[in-house]
Every structure is written in C-alpha cells, then in structure tokens.
Amino acid sequence: MPFTPSPEVAAALAEGRPIVALESTIISHGLPRPQNLEVAREVEDIVRDHGAVPATIALLDGVVHIGLTDSQLKEIANRDDIAKASSRDLAIIAATGKSAATTVAATAHLAALAGIRVFATGGLGGVHRDANETFDESADLTALSQLDITVVCAGVKSILDVAATLERLETLAIGVVGYKTIAFPGFYLTDSGFTIEHQVNSAAEIAKIIHARESLRTNKSALIVANPVKHEMNRKRHDAILKSGLAGARKAGIIGKAVTPFLLEHFHTASEGESLSVNIEIIKSNSALAADIAVAKQH
C-alpha cells in the first residue's frame, strides 16, 4: 500500500463508510499558529458530526498519511520543516523522507488513490492574472481534469483570473455546479461577477449527479461544487486590498507558488483579520457540505 491510513480511516475504508478528504496546506501554510491546529480539529469534528469520517492528508518523514492522528495534526500545524507539495512533488518528498502538506492537486490525487471520492477545501487554484505573460496556472486544474472526485470549494480564489479559470474548467471537461446559486463565488466574495449554468439545492441532488456521472462515464474528471461563503468580505475593501497586494508582489519580485501565500498574508494583515475569519468560515461550511454529500452518496 503506497499510503498509511489512520486507524479511523482504515476502519471506514474497510466498512465502506462515507469519508471526506481534507487538505493540509491550510493548516501548515494558510492559518496562523495556534489557530491552525484549533481549526483543523474543529473541521474534522464537523465532518464527524455530519456523519462522515475526516481524512486529512499529508506526508510526514516520507510517509503518505491518509487521515492523521491528533499528534500528527500537531506536527503539521507546528513543525517548521513542512513543505507545500503539489502532485509533481509527491514522489520526490516521499522518496527523500521529507514532510509536506498537500495542495488541492496533491490531496485530490492521494484521495482518489485511496478510493475517497469527496474532498473539501477552501478555494481552488486556477489561472493567475497576467498568465498570458507568465504562463502561471495552478496544477489543481490539470489534476482535477484527470481524477474522479467531487470537490467542495468556495469557487476559485479571488486573487486569480476568474474568467480565464472558468474557461479552463470548461476546456478540461471539469463539471461545475453552484450550491443554491448560479453566481460563481470568488472565495472571500459570494459572487465573483461570473455566472455558471447549473445550480443544485441539496446534497442528495449532488449525489444523484455523481451517480449519473458514473453511469454516463463522464467521471474521468472532477466535479466542482461551488459553495459561496455566507458572510463575505466588504467588496470595496476586498478590491482595494487585492490591488495593493498584487502591486506589492510585483514590486517584491514574488512569482509562482509563492504568490498565493503572499497575497493571503497581505489580506490577513490589511483586513485586520477579517479575511482570516472568512477563510475559516469557508473551510467549515465546505467540510459540512462535503460530509453531507459523502453520506448522501451512500444511499
């Protein structure tokens, strides 16, 4: 077996119980200490309260873990040597005995490998602004074009080029539905300004779509469930912070995968913590919905 399941996840896999995959990058790189550990525990408990088993995914000292014990969660939250791994990094980190938190792409890959088909995250990666010059596009999109998994998220991060990302999702045949909305959410914002074609109104409806994808063999790529945050950031404030953050990143010469953490940290500082509370609300809400979907999928 290329991975080590936690005792809780191993039992759920053996018994065919509903499981929700959770990424670990939000713990190691997305939230400040000690709040990161508190939120990680809360999110896992939310999944349990909704009838599913949480499987937080990470690599520790070269071992791929599908589901973490509390002491392993603490390591991801507190160790300073935790890298950020996308799909292409997994084999290298595993073979060299290093430790890493997993991005959306890596988490989705490992979840699918373990037979877990529902995954909750904050916001998707996508096409970056000025990608026509930098060719900067998240590996999340490529990974999700190749995996049969349902991803619950708050749309794509508003720091990205949302229009271009939606175009890429269409090109890559990645299904997109809005949860109780056709306004595509933009992470901190309930509405990114772009609409999508399909609205769903319940976990049962999403489960029906998942089964139809299997029957029609359109499940070779992911299904995105866009779940808008209930309490968005003030839009004017959001736009002003984004503008100053992008300018700051350019001035500092920050490129590639360093851009997202830089901008998220800028949002946290400039919004005086408002973006952080929105971020936490997003992951909690998405985890609850993902658990409901995983449970509904069993029926």
Protein backbone atom coordinates (compact mmCIF):
# COMPACT_ATOMS: atom_id res chain seq x y z
CA MET A 1 0.00 0.00 0.00
CA PRO A 2 1.52 3.37 -1.06
CA PHE A 3 -0.09 5.17 1.88
CA THR A 4 -0.78 4.72 5.58
CA PRO A 5 -4.38 5.27 6.67
CA SER A 6 -5.13 6.42 10.20
CA PRO A 7 -6.96 3.80 12.31
CA GLU A 8 -10.21 5.77 11.90
CA VAL A 9 -9.85 5.97 8.10
CA ALA A 10 -8.71 2.33 7.80
CA ALA A 11 -11.86 1.20 9.62
CA ALA A 12 -14.08 3.44 7.45
CA LEU A 13 -12.47 2.14 4.23
CA ALA A 14 -12.92 -1.47 5.35
CA GLU A 15 -16.56 -0.90 6.30
CA GLY A 16 -17.43 1.26 3.28
CA ARG A 17 -18.44 4.24 5.40
CA PRO A 18 -18.51 7.80 3.97
CA ILE A 19 -15.17 9.62 4.07
CA VAL A 20 -14.22 13.23 3.30
CA ALA A 21 -10.67 14.11 2.24
CA LEU A 22 -9.22 17.33 3.70
CA GLU A 23 -6.10 19.16 2.55
CA SER A 24 -3.34 20.04 5.00
CA THR A 25 -1.88 23.15 3.33
CA ILE A 26 -4.45 25.33 5.08
CA ILE A 27 -3.09 24.03 8.41
CA SER A 28 0.63 24.48 7.69
CA HIS A 29 0.59 27.49 5.36
CA GLY A 30 -2.90 29.02 5.39
CA LEU A 31 -3.64 29.82 9.02
CA PRO A 32 -1.51 31.31 11.82
CA ARG A 33 -0.48 29.32 14.90
CA PRO A 34 -2.07 28.28 17.24
CA GLN A 35 -5.38 28.88 15.45
CA ASN A 36 -4.38 26.47 12.66
CA LEU A 37 -4.49 23.43 14.95
CA GLU A 38 -7.76 24.53 16.59
CA VAL A 39 -9.42 24.95 13.19
CA ALA A 40 -8.05 21.63 11.90
CA ARG A 41 -9.60 19.84 14.87
CA GLU A 42 -12.89 21.73 14.52
CA VAL A 43 -13.14 20.91 10.81
CA GLU A 44 -12.56 17.21 11.47
CA ASP A 45 -15.26 17.29 14.16
CA ILE A 46 -17.70 19.00 11.77
CA VAL A 47 -17.20 16.15 9.27
CA ARG A 48 -17.85 13.60 12.04
CA ASP A 49 -20.94 15.50 13.26
CA HIS A 50 -22.36 15.28 9.73
CA GLY A 51 -21.94 11.50 9.64
CA ALA A 52 -18.67 11.05 7.73
CA VAL A 53 -15.05 10.27 8.60
CA PRO A 54 -12.41 13.01 8.07
CA ALA A 55 -9.23 12.09 6.20
CA THR A 56 -6.72 14.94 6.45
CA ILE A 57 -3.91 14.11 4.02
CA ALA A 58 -0.20 14.92 4.45
CA LEU A 59 3.32 13.48 4.19
CA LEU A 60 5.39 13.06 7.34
CA ASP A 61 9.00 11.91 7.08
CA GLY A 62 8.40 10.35 3.68
CA VAL A 63 5.18 8.54 4.61
CA VAL A 64 1.89 9.42 2.90
CA HIS A 65 -0.83 9.62 5.56
CA ILE A 66 -4.50 9.37 4.64
CA GLY A 67 -6.04 10.64 7.85
CA LEU A 68 -3.97 12.00 10.71
CA THR A 69 -3.91 11.21 14.41
CA ASP A 70 -4.08 14.21 16.74
CA SER A 71 -0.31 14.09 17.34
CA GLN A 72 0.27 14.09 13.56
CA LEU A 73 -2.10 17.05 13.16
CA LYS A 74 0.03 18.85 15.76
CA GLU A 75 3.17 18.11 13.72
CA ILE A 76 1.66 19.55 10.53
CA ALA A 77 0.49 22.62 12.48
CA ASN A 78 3.71 23.29 14.39
CA ARG A 79 6.76 21.93 12.57
CA ASP A 80 8.85 24.44 10.61
CA ASP A 81 10.09 21.92 8.02
CA ILE A 82 6.70 21.27 6.40
CA ALA A 83 6.93 21.94 2.65
CA LYS A 84 3.98 22.57 0.33
CA ALA A 85 3.55 19.65 -2.08
CA SER A 86 1.65 19.58 -5.35
CA SER A 87 1.18 16.36 -7.37
CA ARG A 88 4.58 16.54 -9.04
CA ASP A 89 6.36 16.81 -5.68
CA LEU A 90 4.79 13.76 -4.03
CA ALA A 91 7.22 11.07 -5.21
CA ILE A 92 10.26 13.27 -4.53
CA ILE A 93 9.16 14.14 -0.99
CA ALA A 94 8.21 10.53 -0.23
CA ALA A 95 11.48 9.12 -1.63
CA THR A 96 13.66 11.64 0.20
CA GLY A 97 11.90 11.14 3.54
CA LYS A 98 10.73 14.74 3.83
CA SER A 99 7.48 16.19 5.16
CA ALA A 100 4.85 18.23 3.35
CA ALA A 101 1.32 19.50 3.47
CA THR A 102 -0.69 18.73 0.35
CA THR A 103 -2.26 21.23 -2.05
CA VAL A 104 -5.63 20.69 -3.73
CA ALA A 105 -3.92 18.82 -6.62
CA ALA A 106 -1.90 16.53 -4.35
CA THR A 107 -4.75 15.92 -1.91
CA ALA A 108 -7.17 15.06 -4.72
CA HIS A 109 -4.61 12.67 -6.25
CA LEU A 110 -3.93 10.85 -2.97
CA ALA A 111 -7.61 10.76 -2.00
CA ALA A 112 -8.51 9.16 -5.34
CA LEU A 113 -5.64 6.69 -4.87
CA ALA A 114 -7.19 5.67 -1.55
CA GLY A 115 -10.67 5.38 -3.06
CA ILE A 116 -12.01 8.55 -1.41
CA ARG A 117 -14.31 10.41 -3.78
CA VAL A 118 -15.36 13.54 -1.85
CA PHE A 119 -12.98 16.32 -0.88
CA ALA A 120 -13.48 19.65 0.94
CA THR A 121 -11.15 22.60 0.50
CA GLY A 122 -11.23 26.40 0.76
CA GLY A 123 -10.74 27.82 -2.72
CA LEU A 124 -9.45 26.26 -5.92
CA GLY A 125 -6.26 27.32 -7.61
CA GLY A 126 -6.62 28.44 -11.20
CA VAL A 127 -5.26 30.70 -13.90
CA HIS A 128 -3.26 33.57 -12.43
CA ARG A 129 -3.61 37.17 -13.51
CA ASP A 130 -1.23 38.02 -16.37
CA ALA A 131 -0.93 34.29 -17.18
CA ASN A 132 -0.65 35.27 -20.85
CA GLU A 133 2.82 36.57 -19.94
CA THR A 134 3.82 34.29 -17.06
CA PHE A 135 2.07 31.01 -18.05
CA ASP A 136 1.23 30.71 -14.33
CA GLU A 137 -1.62 28.26 -13.92
CA SER A 138 -2.29 26.12 -10.88
CA ALA A 139 -1.63 22.38 -11.13
CA ASP A 140 -5.02 22.00 -9.40
CA LEU A 141 -6.72 22.29 -12.79
CA THR A 142 -4.61 19.63 -14.51
CA ALA A 143 -5.02 17.23 -11.59
CA LEU A 144 -8.78 17.71 -11.44
CA SER A 145 -9.07 17.05 -15.19
CA GLN A 146 -7.73 13.53 -14.54
CA LEU A 147 -9.47 12.48 -11.31
CA ASP A 148 -12.90 11.13 -10.42
CA ILE A 149 -13.53 13.21 -7.32
CA THR A 150 -16.11 15.73 -6.10
CA VAL A 151 -14.54 18.89 -4.70
CA VAL A 152 -16.49 21.27 -2.48
CA CYS A 153 -14.94 24.75 -2.53
CA ALA A 154 -15.84 28.44 -2.35
CA GLY A 155 -15.08 28.86 -6.05
CA VAL A 156 -11.60 30.00 -7.05
CA LYS A 157 -9.51 32.38 -5.01
CA SER A 158 -10.46 35.95 -5.89
CA ILE A 159 -6.77 36.79 -6.33
CA LEU A 160 -6.83 34.81 -9.61
CA ASP A 161 -8.20 35.43 -13.11
CA VAL A 162 -11.69 34.00 -12.53
CA ALA A 163 -12.90 34.33 -16.14
CA ALA A 164 -9.85 32.51 -17.53
CA THR A 165 -10.16 29.83 -14.84
CA LEU A 166 -13.80 29.14 -15.76
CA GLU A 167 -12.75 28.84 -19.42
CA ARG A 168 -10.05 26.32 -18.48
CA LEU A 169 -12.51 24.30 -16.37
CA GLU A 170 -14.76 24.04 -19.44
CA THR A 171 -11.88 23.08 -21.74
CA LEU A 172 -10.74 20.39 -19.30
CA ALA A 173 -14.30 18.97 -19.03
CA ILE A 174 -14.41 19.58 -15.27
CA GLY A 175 -18.04 19.79 -14.16
CA VAL A 176 -19.12 22.86 -12.17
CA VAL A 177 -22.31 23.30 -10.16
CA GLY A 178 -23.28 26.11 -7.81
CA TYR A 179 -24.75 25.21 -4.42
CA LYS A 180 -28.05 27.15 -4.22
CA THR A 181 -26.68 29.71 -6.71
CA ILE A 182 -25.64 30.28 -10.32
CA ALA A 183 -23.33 33.14 -9.26
CA PHE A 184 -19.84 31.65 -9.24
CA PRO A 185 -18.27 32.50 -5.87
CA GLY A 186 -14.87 34.16 -5.55
CA PHE A 187 -13.62 32.77 -2.23
CA TYR A 188 -13.83 35.87 0.00
CA LEU A 189 -16.78 37.06 -2.12
CA THR A 190 -20.12 35.28 -2.59
CA ASP A 191 -20.22 36.43 -6.22
CA SER A 192 -17.15 36.76 -8.44
CA GLY A 193 -19.19 38.54 -11.11
CA PHE A 194 -19.44 35.44 -13.32
CA THR A 195 -22.36 33.04 -13.65
CA ILE A 196 -22.38 29.28 -14.16
CA GLU A 197 -25.00 27.14 -15.88
CA HIS A 198 -26.04 24.68 -13.20
CA GLN A 199 -27.50 25.15 -9.73
CA VAL A 200 -28.04 22.35 -7.19
CA ASN A 201 -30.03 22.71 -4.00
CA SER A 202 -29.21 19.68 -1.85
CA ALA A 203 -26.57 17.09 -1.06
CA ALA A 204 -28.98 14.43 -2.37
CA GLU A 205 -29.11 16.20 -5.75
CA ILE A 206 -25.30 16.30 -5.90
CA ALA A 207 -25.15 12.58 -5.02
CA LYS A 208 -27.55 11.91 -7.91
CA ILE A 209 -25.22 13.80 -10.27
CA ILE A 210 -22.23 11.78 -9.02
CA HIS A 211 -24.09 8.51 -9.77
CA ALA A 212 -25.14 9.81 -13.21
CA ARG A 213 -21.51 10.73 -13.99
CA GLU A 214 -20.54 7.13 -13.20
CA SER A 215 -23.31 5.69 -15.41
CA LEU A 216 -22.51 8.02 -18.32
CA ARG A 217 -18.74 7.59 -17.90
CA THR A 218 -18.19 11.35 -17.61
CA ASN A 219 -16.40 10.84 -14.30
CA LYS A 220 -12.87 10.81 -15.69
CA SER A 221 -12.56 14.39 -14.44
CA ALA A 222 -13.69 16.11 -11.25
CA LEU A 223 -16.99 17.68 -10.28
CA ILE A 224 -16.68 21.09 -8.61
CA VAL A 225 -19.37 22.09 -6.12
CA ALA A 226 -19.07 25.85 -5.65
CA ASN A 227 -20.42 26.75 -2.20
CA PRO A 228 -20.47 30.52 -1.57
CA VAL A 229 -19.40 31.86 1.80
CA LYS A 230 -22.34 33.21 3.79
CA HIS A 231 -20.62 36.31 5.20
CA GLU A 232 -18.42 37.81 2.52
CA MET A 233 -15.76 40.48 2.92
CA ASN A 234 -16.71 44.07 2.21
CA ARG A 235 -16.34 44.21 -1.59
CA LYS A 236 -14.74 47.67 -1.82
CA ARG A 237 -12.27 46.80 0.90
CA HIS A 238 -11.53 43.45 -0.77
CA ASP A 239 -10.79 45.10 -4.13
CA ALA A 240 -8.53 47.74 -2.56
CA ILE A 241 -6.55 45.11 -0.62
CA LEU A 242 -6.21 42.91 -3.71
CA LYS A 243 -4.91 45.84 -5.76
CA SER A 244 -2.28 46.78 -3.17
CA GLY A 245 -1.31 43.11 -2.69
CA LEU A 246 -0.75 42.50 -6.40
CA ALA A 247 1.34 45.67 -6.61
CA GLY A 248 3.36 44.56 -3.56
CA ALA A 249 4.00 41.10 -5.05
CA ARG A 250 5.21 42.62 -8.33
CA LYS A 251 7.48 45.08 -6.51
CA ALA A 252 8.99 42.29 -4.36
CA GLY A 253 9.51 40.05 -7.40
CA ILE A 254 7.32 37.30 -5.93
CA ILE A 255 6.31 34.71 -8.53
CA GLY A 256 4.97 31.15 -8.87
CA LYS A 257 3.59 29.29 -5.89
CA ALA A 258 4.89 31.98 -3.51
CA VAL A 259 2.27 34.45 -4.81
CA THR A 260 -0.79 32.87 -3.17
CA PRO A 261 0.60 32.69 0.40
CA PHE A 262 1.97 36.24 0.00
CA LEU A 263 -1.42 37.60 -1.06
CA LEU A 264 -3.31 35.65 1.61
CA GLU A 265 -0.97 37.02 4.27
CA HIS A 266 -1.41 40.52 2.81
CA PHE A 267 -5.20 40.09 3.00
CA HIS A 268 -4.94 38.92 6.61
CA THR A 269 -2.81 41.91 7.66
CA ALA A 270 -4.57 44.59 5.62
CA SER A 271 -8.08 43.40 6.53
CA GLU A 272 -7.13 43.26 10.23
CA GLY A 273 -8.12 39.61 10.44
CA GLU A 274 -11.42 39.84 8.55
CA SER A 275 -10.13 37.67 5.70
CA LEU A 276 -8.95 35.06 8.20
CA SER A 277 -12.39 34.72 9.78
CA VAL A 278 -13.94 34.42 6.29
CA ASN A 279 -11.34 31.78 5.37
CA ILE A 280 -12.20 29.76 8.48
CA GLU A 281 -15.94 30.04 7.81
CA ILE A 282 -15.34 28.79 4.25
CA ILE A 283 -13.48 25.62 5.23
CA LYS A 284 -16.02 24.80 7.96
CA SER A 285 -19.00 25.30 5.65
CA ASN A 286 -17.40 23.30 2.82
CA SER A 287 -16.50 20.44 5.15
CA ALA A 288 -20.08 20.20 6.40
CA LEU A 289 -21.48 20.13 2.85
CA ALA A 290 -18.84 17.61 1.71
CA ALA A 291 -19.79 15.30 4.58
CA ASP A 292 -23.48 15.60 3.67
CA ILE A 293 -22.61 14.68 0.05
CA ALA A 294 -20.46 11.72 1.12
CA VAL A 295 -23.34 10.42 3.27
CA ALA A 296 -25.97 11.02 0.54
CA LYS A 297 -23.75 9.24 -2.00
CA GLN A 298 -24.07 6.02 0.03
CA HIS A 299 -27.84 5.88 -0.47
